[in-house]
């Protein structure tokens, strides 16, 4: 499944009301570690049909970034049943990201 662009407008539908757990990548286009993490997140999105993977550009969606206390990027937040249940900050290898999901 492809990554979904998450915005303030679709957050409730795509994340809070999602039937599947959701992994959100809070990122910025100017962020080096975010650029390094992007292909890893895209790979997880393609491989894992049991979860939804979304991306939030913190420059375009500051209200969402503030709501989840994003002070450093990249930041991955894992949602289950509409609740943020786990998160990691900074670049992480794929196995570490999968560990917050499984």
Protein backbone atom coordinates (compact mmCIF):
# COMPACT_ATOMS: atom_id res chain seq x y z
CA UNK A 1 0.00 0.00 0.00
CA UNK A 2 1.27 3.47 -0.81
CA UNK A 3 1.95 6.08 1.83
CA UNK A 4 -0.89 8.50 2.53
CA UNK A 5 -0.44 12.25 2.87
CA UNK A 6 -1.94 13.11 6.25
CA UNK A 7 -3.34 16.60 6.79
CA UNK A 8 -5.44 18.30 9.42
CA UNK A 9 -8.42 17.79 7.11
CA UNK A 10 -8.07 13.99 6.75
CA UNK A 11 -6.41 13.11 10.08
CA UNK A 12 -9.59 12.01 11.83
CA UNK A 13 -10.72 9.81 8.95
CA UNK A 14 -7.31 8.32 8.04
CA UNK A 15 -5.83 7.90 11.53
CA UNK A 16 -8.32 8.21 14.38
CA UNK A 17 -11.09 6.25 12.63
CA UNK A 18 -8.83 3.82 10.76
CA UNK A 19 -9.70 0.15 10.99
CA UNK A 20 -5.98 -0.64 10.68
CA UNK A 21 -3.15 0.57 12.91
CA UNK A 22 -1.36 3.60 11.45
CA UNK A 23 2.33 4.52 11.36
CA UNK A 24 2.83 8.27 10.87
CA UNK A 25 6.12 9.79 9.72
CA UNK A 26 6.41 13.44 10.83
CA UNK A 27 9.03 14.95 8.51
CA UNK A 28 10.25 18.03 6.63
CA UNK A 29 11.69 18.20 3.12
CA UNK A 30 14.77 20.12 4.34
CA UNK A 31 15.62 17.54 7.03
CA UNK A 32 18.58 15.26 6.18
CA UNK A 33 17.67 12.40 8.54
CA UNK A 34 14.06 12.59 7.25
CA UNK A 35 15.34 12.12 3.70
CA UNK A 36 17.37 9.11 4.83
CA UNK A 37 14.35 7.61 6.61
CA UNK A 38 11.87 8.15 3.76
CA UNK A 39 12.83 5.07 1.69
CA UNK A 40 12.68 2.87 4.81
CA UNK A 41 9.16 4.12 5.60
CA UNK A 42 8.12 3.66 1.95
CA UNK A 43 9.42 0.09 2.03
CA UNK A 44 7.41 -0.68 5.17
CA UNK A 45 4.31 0.81 3.49
CA UNK A 46 4.76 -1.53 0.53
CA UNK A 47 5.48 -4.64 2.61
CA UNK A 48 2.90 -4.31 5.39
CA UNK A 49 -0.70 -4.56 4.26
CA UNK A 50 -1.80 -4.96 7.90
CA UNK A 51 -1.03 -1.29 8.69
CA UNK A 52 -1.56 2.09 7.08
CA UNK A 53 1.48 4.35 6.65
CA UNK A 54 1.06 8.11 6.52
CA UNK A 55 3.32 11.12 6.22
CA UNK A 56 2.87 14.53 7.83
CA UNK A 57 4.97 17.42 6.54
CA UNK A 58 5.49 19.47 9.71
CA UNK A 59 6.00 22.68 7.71
CA UNK A 60 2.62 22.25 6.00
CA UNK A 61 0.79 20.89 9.07
CA UNK A 62 2.16 22.68 12.17
CA UNK A 63 -1.08 22.09 14.12
CA UNK A 64 -0.68 18.30 13.82
CA UNK A 65 2.99 18.53 14.78
CA UNK A 66 2.09 20.59 17.87
CA UNK A 67 -0.75 18.25 18.82
CA UNK A 68 1.68 15.34 19.10
CA UNK A 69 4.57 17.27 20.62
CA UNK A 70 6.85 16.94 17.63
CA UNK A 71 9.95 18.91 18.61
CA UNK A 72 12.52 16.84 16.68
CA UNK A 73 12.18 15.19 13.30
CA UNK A 74 11.93 12.66 11.90
CA UNK A 75 9.44 11.34 14.42
CA UNK A 76 7.43 8.18 13.88
CA UNK A 77 4.21 7.70 15.84
CA UNK A 78 2.28 4.43 15.86
CA UNK A 79 -1.50 4.62 16.35
CA UNK A 80 -3.72 1.74 17.33
CA UNK A 81 -7.48 2.14 17.73
CA UNK A 82 -7.07 5.90 17.29
CA UNK A 83 -4.51 6.26 20.09
CA UNK A 84 -0.81 7.05 19.86
CA UNK A 85 0.77 3.99 21.50
CA UNK A 86 4.44 4.24 20.56
CA UNK A 87 6.92 6.64 19.00
CA UNK A 88 10.57 7.05 18.06
CA UNK A 89 12.57 10.14 17.20
CA UNK A 90 15.40 10.34 14.69
CA UNK A 91 16.62 8.00 12.00
CA UNK A 92 16.12 4.34 12.87
CA UNK A 93 16.92 1.19 10.93
CA UNK A 94 13.97 -0.78 9.62
CA UNK A 95 14.17 -3.44 12.34
CA UNK A 96 13.81 -0.76 15.05
CA UNK A 97 10.76 0.71 13.34
CA UNK A 98 9.18 -2.72 12.98
CA UNK A 99 9.79 -3.28 16.70
CA UNK A 100 7.43 -0.41 17.61
CA UNK A 101 4.78 -1.91 15.34
CA UNK A 102 4.97 -5.58 16.31
